[in-house]
Amino acid sequence: MTAQPYDFVPGQTPLPEKNLRAIRAALVIPEDREAFDAGLKAVLDEVRVSLDLGALNAFVHRWWISACDSVRDPEGRRQMHNRAEQVLAGGPRPEGRPWREILAARGIDV
């Protein structure tokens, strides 16, 4: 008997390794890759100045979670980006009320 990670499911695509190359390769949605590339540049600039790898470690962890999500549900990632684009454009919610109206009713200024 061999030990497997607790979330290993036979027949399911394996999760990416937790390194920059594997994470980027697992990001199949263009918006994710673009955000990853921009974020990596920013975090490397930060590390160059601070000489603290903590920011890079946090970046790798956050993007590894997104890469795992991308591997398991690429269509869900596409839908998430499409929905976020609609929200940012002020599009209506499924209930028909615009996001800005709902947020304003809650006292949130956007």
PDB file of N, CA and C in Angstrom:
ATOM      1  N   MET A   1       0.842  -1.172   0.000  1.00  0.00           N
ATOM      2  CA  MET A   1       0.000   0.000   0.000  1.00  0.00           C
ATOM      3  C   MET A   1       0.894   1.246   0.000  1.00  0.00           C
ATOM      4  N   THR A   2       0.550   2.219  -0.827  1.00  0.00           N
ATOM      5  CA  THR A   2       1.324   3.457  -0.861  1.00  0.00           C
ATOM      6  C   THR A   2       0.509   4.589  -0.267  1.00  0.00           C
ATOM      7  N   ALA A   3       1.193   5.533   0.292  1.00  0.00           N
ATOM      8  CA  ALA A   3       0.518   6.700   0.864  1.00  0.00           C
ATOM      9  C   ALA A   3       0.189   7.695  -0.234  1.00  0.00           C
ATOM     10  N   GLN A   4      -0.992   8.252  -0.187  1.00  0.00           N
ATOM     11  CA  GLN A   4      -1.423   9.252  -1.154  1.00  0.00           C
ATOM     12  C   GLN A   4      -1.882  10.491  -0.386  1.00  0.00           C
ATOM     13  N   PRO A   5      -1.812  11.650  -1.028  1.00  0.00           N
ATOM     14  CA  PRO A   5      -2.365  12.840  -0.363  1.00  0.00           C
ATOM     15  C   PRO A   5      -3.829  12.605  -0.023  1.00  0.00           C
ATOM     16  N   TYR A   6      -4.308  13.246   1.036  1.00  0.00           N
ATOM     17  CA  TYR A   6      -5.666  13.007   1.507  1.00  0.00           C
ATOM     18  C   TYR A   6      -6.725  13.320   0.464  1.00  0.00           C
ATOM     19  N   ASP A   7      -6.415  14.202  -0.495  1.00  0.00           N
ATOM     20  CA  ASP A   7      -7.422  14.561  -1.488  1.00  0.00           C
ATOM     21  C   ASP A   7      -7.205  13.858  -2.833  1.00  0.00           C
ATOM     22  N   PHE A   8      -6.367  12.809  -2.860  1.00  0.00           N
ATOM     23  CA  PHE A   8      -6.124  12.061  -4.088  1.00  0.00           C
ATOM     24  C   PHE A   8      -7.355  11.241  -4.430  1.00  0.00           C
ATOM     25  N   VAL A   9      -7.815  11.357  -5.665  1.00  0.00           N
ATOM     26  CA  VAL A   9      -8.957  10.578  -6.132  1.00  0.00           C
ATOM     27  C   VAL A   9      -8.516   9.873  -7.407  1.00  0.00           C
ATOM     28  N   PRO A  10      -8.521   8.527  -7.407  1.00  0.00           N
ATOM     29  CA  PRO A  10      -8.108   7.808  -8.606  1.00  0.00           C
ATOM     30  C   PRO A  10      -8.933   8.243  -9.817  1.00  0.00           C
ATOM     31  N   GLY A  11      -8.263   8.436 -10.941  1.00  0.00           N
ATOM     32  CA  GLY A  11      -8.939   8.832 -12.168  1.00  0.00           C
ATOM     33  C   GLY A  11      -9.103  10.327 -12.316  1.00  0.00           C
ATOM     34  N   GLN A  12      -8.858  11.080 -11.269  1.00  0.00           N
ATOM     35  CA  GLN A  12      -8.970  12.533 -11.322  1.00  0.00           C
ATOM     36  C   GLN A  12      -7.606  13.116 -11.683  1.00  0.00           C
ATOM     37  N   THR A  13      -7.622  14.241 -12.397  1.00  0.00           N
ATOM     38  CA  THR A  13      -6.378  14.901 -12.758  1.00  0.00           C
ATOM     39  C   THR A  13      -5.610  15.243 -11.486  1.00  0.00           C
ATOM     40  N   PRO A  14      -4.318  14.887 -11.425  1.00  0.00           N
ATOM     41  CA  PRO A  14      -3.553  15.204 -10.212  1.00  0.00           C
ATOM     42  C   PRO A  14      -3.375  16.710 -10.038  1.00  0.00           C
ATOM     43  N   LEU A  15      -3.242  17.119  -8.808  1.00  0.00           N
ATOM     44  CA  LEU A  15      -3.030  18.525  -8.507  1.00  0.00           C
ATOM     45  C   LEU A  15      -1.627  18.934  -8.929  1.00  0.00           C
ATOM     46  N   PRO A  16      -1.446  20.192  -9.282  1.00  0.00           N
ATOM     47  CA  PRO A  16      -0.109  20.651  -9.685  1.00  0.00           C
ATOM     48  C   PRO A  16       0.832  20.673  -8.483  1.00  0.00           C
ATOM     49  N   GLU A  17       2.124  20.553  -8.786  1.00  0.00           N
ATOM     50  CA  GLU A  17       3.116  20.705  -7.731  1.00  0.00           C
ATOM     51  C   GLU A  17       3.080  22.144  -7.244  1.00  0.00           C
ATOM     52  N   LYS A  18       3.607  22.374  -6.075  1.00  0.00           N
ATOM     53  CA  LYS A  18       3.558  23.713  -5.488  1.00  0.00           C
ATOM     54  C   LYS A  18       4.853  24.461  -5.823  1.00  0.00           C
ATOM     55  N   ASN A  19       5.030  24.745  -7.127  1.00  0.00           N
ATOM     56  CA  ASN A  19       6.147  25.563  -7.571  1.00  0.00           C
ATOM     57  C   ASN A  19       5.662  26.456  -8.710  1.00  0.00           C
ATOM     58  N   LEU A  20       6.384  27.524  -8.972  1.00  0.00           N
ATOM     59  CA  LEU A  20       5.925  28.529  -9.931  1.00  0.00           C
ATOM     60  C   LEU A  20       5.656  27.955 -11.319  1.00  0.00           C
ATOM     61  N   ARG A  21       6.559  27.118 -11.825  1.00  0.00           N
ATOM     62  CA  ARG A  21       6.398  26.572 -13.180  1.00  0.00           C
ATOM     63  C   ARG A  21       5.144  25.708 -13.280  1.00  0.00           C
ATOM     64  N   ALA A  22       4.945  24.828 -12.306  1.00  0.00           N
ATOM     65  CA  ALA A  22       3.779  23.931 -12.331  1.00  0.00           C
ATOM     66  C   ALA A  22       2.480  24.709 -12.149  1.00  0.00           C
ATOM     67  N   ILE A  23       2.520  25.711 -11.281  1.00  0.00           N
ATOM     68  CA  ILE A  23       1.319  26.510 -11.041  1.00  0.00           C
ATOM     69  C   ILE A  23       0.918  27.239 -12.314  1.00  0.00           C
ATOM     70  N   ARG A  24       1.889  27.894 -12.963  1.00  0.00           N
ATOM     71  CA  ARG A  24       1.562  28.648 -14.181  1.00  0.00           C
ATOM     72  C   ARG A  24       1.056  27.710 -15.269  1.00  0.00           C
ATOM     73  N   ALA A  25       1.646  26.546 -15.399  1.00  0.00           N
ATOM     74  CA  ALA A  25       1.212  25.582 -16.417  1.00  0.00           C
ATOM     75  C   ALA A  25      -0.223  25.116 -16.175  1.00  0.00           C
ATOM     76  N   ALA A  26      -0.641  25.080 -14.917  1.00  0.00           N
ATOM     77  CA  ALA A  26      -1.995  24.611 -14.586  1.00  0.00           C
ATOM     78  C   ALA A  26      -3.059  25.678 -14.802  1.00  0.00           C
ATOM     79  N   LEU A  27      -2.643  26.927 -14.963  1.00  0.00           N
ATOM     80  CA  LEU A  27      -3.610  28.017 -15.145  1.00  0.00           C
ATOM     81  C   LEU A  27      -4.037  28.059 -16.611  1.00  0.00           C
ATOM     82  N   VAL A  28      -5.182  27.486 -16.914  1.00  0.00           N
ATOM     83  CA  VAL A  28      -5.635  27.359 -18.308  1.00  0.00           C
ATOM     84  C   VAL A  28      -6.467  28.543 -18.780  1.00  0.00           C
ATOM     85  N   ILE A  29      -6.889  29.393 -17.864  1.00  0.00           N
ATOM     86  CA  ILE A  29      -7.714  30.543 -18.219  1.00  0.00           C
ATOM     87  C   ILE A  29      -6.785  31.740 -18.450  1.00  0.00           C
ATOM     88  N   PRO A  30      -6.887  32.404 -19.605  1.00  0.00           N
ATOM     89  CA  PRO A  30      -5.971  33.515 -19.899  1.00  0.00           C
ATOM     90  C   PRO A  30      -5.942  34.592 -18.820  1.00  0.00           C
ATOM     91  N   GLU A  31      -7.093  34.941 -18.237  1.00  0.00           N
ATOM     92  CA  GLU A  31      -7.126  35.962 -17.188  1.00  0.00           C
ATOM     93  C   GLU A  31      -6.295  35.551 -15.973  1.00  0.00           C
ATOM     94  N   ASP A  32      -6.321  34.245 -15.653  1.00  0.00           N
ATOM     95  CA  ASP A  32      -5.525  33.757 -14.530  1.00  0.00           C
ATOM     96  C   ASP A  32      -4.034  33.885 -14.840  1.00  0.00           C
ATOM     97  N   ARG A  33      -3.635  33.465 -16.047  1.00  0.00           N
ATOM     98  CA  ARG A  33      -2.211  33.550 -16.414  1.00  0.00           C
ATOM     99  C   ARG A  33      -1.723  34.989 -16.416  1.00  0.00           C
ATOM    100  N   GLU A  34      -2.542  35.900 -16.946  1.00  0.00           N
ATOM    101  CA  GLU A  34      -2.153  37.317 -16.976  1.00  0.00           C
ATOM    102  C   GLU A  34      -1.999  37.866 -15.561  1.00  0.00           C
ATOM    103  N   ALA A  35      -2.936  37.537 -14.681  1.00  0.00           N
ATOM    104  CA  ALA A  35      -2.863  38.011 -13.302  1.00  0.00           C
ATOM    105  C   ALA A  35      -1.670  37.386 -12.577  1.00  0.00           C
ATOM    106  N   PHE A  36      -1.407  36.116 -12.840  1.00  0.00           N
ATOM    107  CA  PHE A  36      -0.259  35.438 -12.246  1.00  0.00           C
ATOM    108  C   PHE A  36       1.039  36.121 -12.667  1.00  0.00           C
ATOM    109  N   ASP A  37       1.189  36.364 -13.968  1.00  0.00           N
ATOM    110  CA  ASP A  37       2.415  36.992 -14.477  1.00  0.00           C
ATOM    111  C   ASP A  37       2.625  38.388 -13.878  1.00  0.00           C
ATOM    112  N   ALA A  38       1.564  39.184 -13.838  1.00  0.00           N
ATOM    113  CA  ALA A  38       1.660  40.527 -13.275  1.00  0.00           C
ATOM    114  C   ALA A  38       1.972  40.458 -11.780  1.00  0.00           C
ATOM    115  N   GLY A  39       1.311  39.559 -11.081  1.00  0.00           N
ATOM    116  CA  GLY A  39       1.545  39.411  -9.646  1.00  0.00           C
ATOM    117  C   GLY A  39       2.940  38.911  -9.337  1.00  0.00           C
ATOM    118  N   LEU A  40       3.440  37.987 -10.163  1.00  0.00           N
ATOM    119  CA  LEU A  40       4.791  37.467  -9.956  1.00  0.00           C
ATOM    120  C   LEU A  40       5.823  38.576 -10.115  1.00  0.00           C
ATOM    121  N   LYS A  41       5.654  39.397 -11.137  1.00  0.00           N
ATOM    122  CA  LYS A  41       6.576  40.514 -11.341  1.00  0.00           C
ATOM    123  C   LYS A  41       6.559  41.434 -10.120  1.00  0.00           C
ATOM    124  N   ALA A  42       5.370  41.750  -9.628  1.00  0.00           N
ATOM    125  CA  ALA A  42       5.244  42.645  -8.477  1.00  0.00           C
ATOM    126  C   ALA A  42       5.864  42.039  -7.221  1.00  0.00           C
ATOM    127  N   VAL A  43       5.608  40.760  -6.980  1.00  0.00           N
ATOM    128  CA  VAL A  43       6.128  40.146  -5.755  1.00  0.00           C
ATOM    129  C   VAL A  43       7.645  39.984  -5.838  1.00  0.00           C
ATOM    130  N   LEU A  44       8.182  39.705  -7.024  1.00  0.00           N
ATOM    131  CA  LEU A  44       9.637  39.607  -7.149  1.00  0.00           C
ATOM    132  C   LEU A  44      10.297  40.967  -6.933  1.00  0.00           C
ATOM    133  N   ASP A  45       9.649  42.028  -7.412  1.00  0.00           N
ATOM    134  CA  ASP A  45      10.150  43.382  -7.151  1.00  0.00           C
ATOM    135  C   ASP A  45      10.155  43.659  -5.649  1.00  0.00           C
ATOM    136  N   GLU A  46       9.082  43.248  -4.982  1.00  0.00           N
ATOM    137  CA  GLU A  46       8.978  43.444  -3.536  1.00  0.00           C
ATOM    138  C   GLU A  46      10.075  42.676  -2.801  1.00  0.00           C
ATOM    139  N   VAL A  47      10.313  41.431  -3.204  1.00  0.00           N
ATOM    140  CA  VAL A  47      11.330  40.601  -2.565  1.00  0.00           C
ATOM    141  C   VAL A  47      12.723  41.197  -2.791  1.00  0.00           C
ATOM    142  N   ARG A  48      12.959  41.729  -3.977  1.00  0.00           N
ATOM    143  CA  ARG A  48      14.246  42.363  -4.276  1.00  0.00           C
ATOM    144  C   ARG A  48      14.541  43.515  -3.318  1.00  0.00           C
ATOM    145  N   VAL A  49      13.514  44.266  -2.977  1.00  0.00           N
ATOM    146  CA  VAL A  49      13.681  45.422  -2.092  1.00  0.00           C
ATOM    147  C   VAL A  49      13.753  44.980  -0.619  1.00  0.00           C
ATOM    148  N   SER A  50      12.830  44.111  -0.215  1.00  0.00           N
ATOM    149  CA  SER A  50      12.724  43.749   1.200  1.00  0.00           C
ATOM    150  C   SER A  50      13.667  42.616   1.613  1.00  0.00           C
ATOM    151  N   LEU A  51      14.103  41.815   0.640  1.00  0.00           N
ATOM    152  CA  LEU A  51      14.913  40.618   0.913  1.00  0.00           C
ATOM    153  C   LEU A  51      14.197  39.642   1.844  1.00  0.00           C
ATOM    154  N   ASP A  52      12.876  39.654   1.785  1.00  0.00           N
ATOM    155  CA  ASP A  52      12.033  38.782   2.604  1.00  0.00           C
ATOM    156  C   ASP A  52      11.238  37.873   1.675  1.00  0.00           C
ATOM    157  N   LEU A  53      11.481  36.575   1.769  1.00  0.00           N
ATOM    158  CA  LEU A  53      10.800  35.621   0.891  1.00  0.00           C
ATOM    159  C   LEU A  53       9.379  35.296   1.331  1.00  0.00           C
ATOM    160  N   GLY A  54       8.943  35.850   2.440  1.00  0.00           N
ATOM    161  CA  GLY A  54       7.589  35.582   2.924  1.00  0.00           C
ATOM    162  C   GLY A  54       6.527  35.964   1.911  1.00  0.00           C
ATOM    163  N   ALA A  55       6.718  37.098   1.236  1.00  0.00           N
ATOM    164  CA  ALA A  55       5.746  37.538   0.230  1.00  0.00           C
ATOM    165  C   ALA A  55       5.691  36.555  -0.932  1.00  0.00           C
ATOM    166  N   LEU A  56       6.839  36.026  -1.332  1.00  0.00           N
ATOM    167  CA  LEU A  56       6.869  35.043  -2.428  1.00  0.00           C
ATOM    168  C   LEU A  56       6.197  33.746  -2.003  1.00  0.00           C
ATOM    169  N   ASN A  57       6.456  33.309  -0.780  1.00  0.00           N
ATOM    170  CA  ASN A  57       5.809  32.089  -0.286  1.00  0.00           C
ATOM    171  C   ASN A  57       4.295  32.238  -0.257  1.00  0.00           C
ATOM    172  N   ALA A  58       3.812  33.398   0.185  1.00  0.00           N
ATOM    173  CA  ALA A  58       2.367  33.647   0.220  1.00  0.00           C
ATOM    174  C   ALA A  58       1.794  33.666  -1.190  1.00  0.00           C
ATOM    175  N   PHE A  59       2.527  34.282  -2.128  1.00  0.00           N
ATOM    176  CA  PHE A  59       2.103  34.331  -3.526  1.00  0.00           C
ATOM    177  C   PHE A  59       1.971  32.917  -4.089  1.00  0.00           C
ATOM    178  N   VAL A  60       2.977  32.093  -3.862  1.00  0.00           N
ATOM    179  CA  VAL A  60       2.950  30.706  -4.361  1.00  0.00           C
ATOM    180  C   VAL A  60       1.758  29.967  -3.772  1.00  0.00           C
ATOM    181  N   HIS A  61       1.525  30.114  -2.496  1.00  0.00           N
ATOM    182  CA  HIS A  61       0.409  29.404  -1.863  1.00  0.00           C
ATOM    183  C   HIS A  61      -0.938  29.851  -2.438  1.00  0.00           C
ATOM    184  N   ARG A  62      -1.134  31.181  -2.543  1.00  0.00           N
ATOM    185  CA  ARG A  62      -2.414  31.683  -3.078  1.00  0.00           C
ATOM    186  C   ARG A  62      -2.643  31.182  -4.501  1.00  0.00           C
ATOM    187  N   TRP A  63      -1.611  31.250  -5.344  1.00  0.00           N
ATOM    188  CA  TRP A  63      -1.784  30.839  -6.730  1.00  0.00           C
ATOM    189  C   TRP A  63      -1.860  29.327  -6.881  1.00  0.00           C
ATOM    190  N   TRP A  64      -1.275  28.583  -5.958  1.00  0.00           N
ATOM    191  CA  TRP A  64      -1.405  27.124  -6.007  1.00  0.00           C
ATOM    192  C   TRP A  64      -2.865  26.736  -5.789  1.00  0.00           C
ATOM    193  N   ILE A  65      -3.538  27.441  -4.874  1.00  0.00           N
ATOM    194  CA  ILE A  65      -4.962  27.170  -4.649  1.00  0.00           C
ATOM    195  C   ILE A  65      -5.752  27.444  -5.927  1.00  0.00           C
ATOM    196  N   SER A  66      -5.481  28.542  -6.605  1.00  0.00           N
ATOM    197  CA  SER A  66      -6.162  28.855  -7.870  1.00  0.00           C
ATOM    198  C   SER A  66      -5.828  27.830  -8.939  1.00  0.00           C
ATOM    199  N   ALA A  67      -4.576  27.370  -8.972  1.00  0.00           N
ATOM    200  CA  ALA A  67      -4.177  26.357  -9.962  1.00  0.00           C
ATOM    201  C   ALA A  67      -4.912  25.042  -9.708  1.00  0.00           C
ATOM    202  N   CYS A  68      -5.064  24.677  -8.448  1.00  0.00           N
ATOM    203  CA  CYS A  68      -5.818  23.462  -8.116  1.00  0.00           C
ATOM    204  C   CYS A  68      -7.264  23.594  -8.583  1.00  0.00           C
ATOM    205  N   ASP A  69      -7.844  24.753  -8.359  1.00  0.00           N
ATOM    206  CA  ASP A  69      -9.215  25.021  -8.802  1.00  0.00           C
ATOM    207  C   ASP A  69      -9.294  24.948 -10.323  1.00  0.00           C
ATOM    208  N   SER A  70      -8.300  25.484 -10.993  1.00  0.00           N
ATOM    209  CA  SER A  70      -8.272  25.479 -12.458  1.00  0.00           C
ATOM    210  C   SER A  70      -8.194  24.060 -13.008  1.00  0.00           C
ATOM    211  N   VAL A  71      -7.414  23.215 -12.348  1.00  0.00           N
ATOM    212  CA  VAL A  71      -7.277  21.816 -12.777  1.00  0.00           C
ATOM    213  C   VAL A  71      -8.585  21.061 -12.572  1.00  0.00           C
ATOM    214  N   ARG A  72      -9.217  21.298 -11.452  1.00  0.00           N
ATOM    215  CA  ARG A  72     -10.435  20.560 -11.116  1.00  0.00           C
ATOM    216  C   ARG A  72     -11.673  21.068 -11.840  1.00  0.00           C
ATOM    217  N   ASP A  73     -11.753  22.378 -12.091  1.00  0.00           N
ATOM    218  CA  ASP A  73     -12.973  22.941 -12.666  1.00  0.00           C
ATOM    219  C   ASP A  73     -12.667  24.134 -13.572  1.00  0.00           C
ATOM    220  N   PRO A  74     -12.046  23.889 -14.741  1.00  0.00           N
ATOM    221  CA  PRO A  74     -11.708  25.010 -15.621  1.00  0.00           C
ATOM    222  C   PRO A  74     -12.934  25.790 -16.090  1.00  0.00           C
ATOM    223  N   GLU A  75     -14.041  25.118 -16.318  1.00  0.00           N
ATOM    224  CA  GLU A  75     -15.249  25.818 -16.752  1.00  0.00           C
ATOM    225  C   GLU A  75     -15.774  26.713 -15.635  1.00  0.00           C
ATOM    226  N   GLY A  76     -15.676  26.261 -14.412  1.00  0.00           N
ATOM    227  CA  GLY A  76     -16.072  27.084 -13.281  1.00  0.00           C
ATOM    228  C   GLY A  76     -15.218  28.346 -13.172  1.00  0.00           C
ATOM    229  N   ARG A  77     -13.913  28.213 -13.464  1.00  0.00           N
ATOM    230  CA  ARG A  77     -13.027  29.385 -13.453  1.00  0.00           C
ATOM    231  C   ARG A  77     -13.446  30.374 -14.545  1.00  0.00           C
ATOM    232  N   ARG A  78     -13.779  29.849 -15.744  1.00  0.00           N
ATOM    233  CA  ARG A  78     -14.233  30.722 -16.842  1.00  0.00           C
ATOM    234  C   ARG A  78     -15.494  31.484 -16.428  1.00  0.00           C
ATOM    235  N   GLN A  79     -16.439  30.751 -15.852  1.00  0.00           N
ATOM    236  CA  GLN A  79     -17.690  31.372 -15.415  1.00  0.00           C
ATOM    237  C   GLN A  79     -17.438  32.419 -14.336  1.00  0.00           C
ATOM    238  N   MET A  80     -16.510  32.131 -13.423  1.00  0.00           N
ATOM    239  CA  MET A  80     -16.188  33.089 -12.363  1.00  0.00           C
ATOM    240  C   MET A  80     -15.649  34.387 -12.975  1.00  0.00           C
ATOM    241  N   HIS A  81     -14.732  34.265 -13.940  1.00  0.00           N
ATOM    242  CA  HIS A  81     -14.175  35.467 -14.576  1.00  0.00           C
ATOM    243  C   HIS A  81     -15.241  36.227 -15.364  1.00  0.00           C
ATOM    244  N   ASN A  82     -16.102  35.503 -16.061  1.00  0.00           N
ATOM    245  CA  ASN A  82     -17.181  36.168 -16.802  1.00  0.00           C
ATOM    246  C   ASN A  82     -18.115  36.911 -15.854  1.00  0.00           C
ATOM    247  N   ARG A  83     -18.463  36.279 -14.753  1.00  0.00           N
ATOM    248  CA  ARG A  83     -19.368  36.909 -13.783  1.00  0.00           C
ATOM    249  C   ARG A  83     -18.704  38.131 -13.144  1.00  0.00           C
ATOM    250  N   ALA A  84     -17.422  38.008 -12.807  1.00  0.00           N
ATOM    251  CA  ALA A  84     -16.701  39.136 -12.212  1.00  0.00           C
ATOM    252  C   ALA A  84     -16.659  40.312 -13.185  1.00  0.00           C
ATOM    253  N   GLU A  85     -16.476  40.025 -14.463  1.00  0.00           N
ATOM    254  CA  GLU A  85     -16.459  41.090 -15.477  1.00  0.00           C
ATOM    255  C   GLU A  85     -17.817  41.791 -15.531  1.00  0.00           C
ATOM    256  N   GLN A  86     -18.897  41.020 -15.455  1.00  0.00           N
ATOM    257  CA  GLN A  86     -20.244  41.604 -15.460  1.00  0.00           C
ATOM    258  C   GLN A  86     -20.453  42.479 -14.226  1.00  0.00           C
ATOM    259  N   VAL A  87     -20.012  42.001 -13.078  1.00  0.00           N
ATOM    260  CA  VAL A  87     -20.178  42.754 -11.832  1.00  0.00           C
ATOM    261  C   VAL A  87     -19.403  44.063 -11.909  1.00  0.00           C
ATOM    262  N   LEU A  88     -18.149  43.981 -12.355  1.00  0.00           N
ATOM    263  CA  LEU A  88     -17.318  45.183 -12.444  1.00  0.00           C
ATOM    264  C   LEU A  88     -17.879  46.188 -13.447  1.00  0.00           C
ATOM    265  N   ALA A  89     -18.595  45.688 -14.447  1.00  0.00           N
ATOM    266  CA  ALA A  89     -19.201  46.570 -15.442  1.00  0.00           C
ATOM    267  C   ALA A  89     -20.536  47.135 -14.948  1.00  0.00           C
ATOM    268  N   GLY A  90     -20.932  46.745 -13.737  1.00  0.00           N
ATOM    269  CA  GLY A  90     -22.190  47.255 -13.184  1.00  0.00           C
ATOM    270  C   GLY A  90     -23.403  46.530 -13.713  1.00  0.00           C
ATOM    271  N   GLY A  91     -23.205  45.345 -14.258  1.00  0.00           N
ATOM    272  CA  GLY A  91     -24.314  44.571 -14.818  1.00  0.00           C
ATOM    273  C   GLY A  91     -25.298  44.124 -13.752  1.00  0.00           C
ATOM    274  N   PRO A  92     -26.489  43.753 -14.176  1.00  0.00           N
ATOM    275  CA  PRO A  92     -27.512  43.354 -13.207  1.00  0.00           C
ATOM    276  C   PRO A  92     -27.208  41.998 -12.573  1.00  0.00           C
ATOM    277  N   ARG A  93     -27.679  41.858 -11.346  1.00  0.00           N
ATOM    278  CA  ARG A  93     -27.599  40.567 -10.665  1.00  0.00           C
ATOM    279  C   ARG A  93     -28.672  39.658 -11.254  1.00  0.00           C
ATOM    280  N   PRO A  94     -28.593  38.375 -10.986  1.00  0.00           N
ATOM    281  CA  PRO A  94     -29.641  37.475 -11.488  1.00  0.00           C
ATOM    282  C   PRO A  94     -31.043  37.897 -11.066  1.00  0.00           C
ATOM    283  N   GLU A  95     -31.171  38.566  -9.897  1.00  0.00           N
ATOM    284  CA  GLU A  95     -32.483  39.018  -9.434  1.00  0.00           C
ATOM    285  C   GLU A  95     -32.960  40.235 -10.212  1.00  0.00           C
ATOM    286  N   GLY A  96     -32.088  40.820 -11.052  1.00  0.00           N
ATOM    287  CA  GLY A  96     -32.482  41.953 -11.871  1.00  0.00           C
ATOM    288  C   GLY A  96     -32.080  43.307 -11.340  1.00  0.00           C
ATOM    289  N   ARG A  97     -31.637  43.400 -10.105  1.00  0.00           N
ATOM    290  CA  ARG A  97     -31.210  44.686  -9.541  1.00  0.00           C
ATOM    291  C   ARG A  97     -29.722  44.876  -9.794  1.00  0.00           C
ATOM    292  N   PRO A  98     -29.308  46.072 -10.192  1.00  0.00           N
ATOM    293  CA  PRO A  98     -27.875  46.316 -10.399  1.00  0.00           C
ATOM    294  C   PRO A  98     -27.095  46.193  -9.084  1.00  0.00           C
ATOM    295  N   TRP A  99     -25.852  45.754  -9.184  1.00  0.00           N
ATOM    296  CA  TRP A  99     -24.988  45.614  -8.017  1.00  0.00           C
ATOM    297  C   TRP A  99     -24.855  46.935  -7.268  1.00  0.00           C
ATOM    298  N   ARG A 100     -24.691  48.011  -8.017  1.00  0.00           N
ATOM    299  CA  ARG A 100     -24.503  49.322  -7.367  1.00  0.00           C
ATOM    300  C   ARG A 100     -25.703  49.676  -6.489  1.00  0.00           C
ATOM    301  N   GLU A 101     -26.907  49.335  -6.952  1.00  0.00           N
ATOM    302  CA  GLU A 101     -28.115  49.619  -6.179  1.00  0.00           C
ATOM    303  C   GLU A 101     -28.143  48.785  -4.896  1.00  0.00           C
ATOM    304  N   ILE A 102     -27.791  47.533  -4.986  1.00  0.00           N
ATOM    305  CA  ILE A 102     -27.782  46.654  -3.824  1.00  0.00           C
ATOM    306  C   ILE A 102     -26.745  47.116  -2.813  1.00  0.00           C
ATOM    307  N   LEU A 103     -25.546  47.459  -3.300  1.00  0.00           N
ATOM    308  CA  LEU A 103     -24.499  47.934  -2.412  1.00  0.00           C
ATOM    309  C   LEU A 103     -24.866  49.273  -1.777  1.00  0.00           C
ATOM    310  N   ALA A 104     -25.465  50.156  -2.559  1.00  0.00           N
ATOM    311  CA  ALA A 104     -25.880  51.458  -2.027  1.00  0.00           C
ATOM    312  C   ALA A 104     -26.902  51.280  -0.908  1.00  0.00           C
ATOM    313  N   ALA A 105     -27.823  50.337  -1.095  1.00  0.00           N
ATOM    314  CA  ALA A 105     -28.825  50.070  -0.066  1.00  0.00           C
ATOM    315  C   ALA A 105     -28.178  49.572   1.235  1.00  0.00           C
ATOM    316  N   ARG A 106     -27.011  48.990   1.121  1.00  0.00           N
ATOM    317  CA  ARG A 106     -26.281  48.512   2.308  1.00  0.00           C
ATOM    318  C   ARG A 106     -25.292  49.551   2.839  1.00  0.00           C
ATOM    319  N   GLY A 107     -25.322  50.727   2.233  1.00  0.00           N
ATOM    320  CA  GLY A 107     -24.457  51.818   2.698  1.00  0.00           C
ATOM    321  C   GLY A 107     -23.034  51.744   2.201  1.00  0.00           C
ATOM    322  N   ILE A 108     -22.846  51.012   1.114  1.00  0.00           N
ATOM    323  CA  ILE A 108     -21.497  50.858   0.550  1.00  0.00           C
ATOM    324  C   ILE A 108     -21.395  51.733  -0.679  1.00  0.00           C
ATOM    325  N   ASP A 109     -20.476  52.671  -0.656  1.00  0.00           N
ATOM    326  CA  ASP A 109     -20.288  53.603  -1.770  1.00  0.00           C
ATOM    327  C   ASP A 109     -19.280  53.008  -2.761  1.00  0.00           C
ATOM    328  N   VAL A 110     -19.724  52.849  -4.015  1.00  0.00           N
ATOM    329  CA  VAL A 110     -18.823  52.306  -5.043  1.00  0.00           C
ATOM    330  C   VAL A 110     -18.584  53.285  -6.153  1.00  0.00           C
TER     331      VAL A 110
END
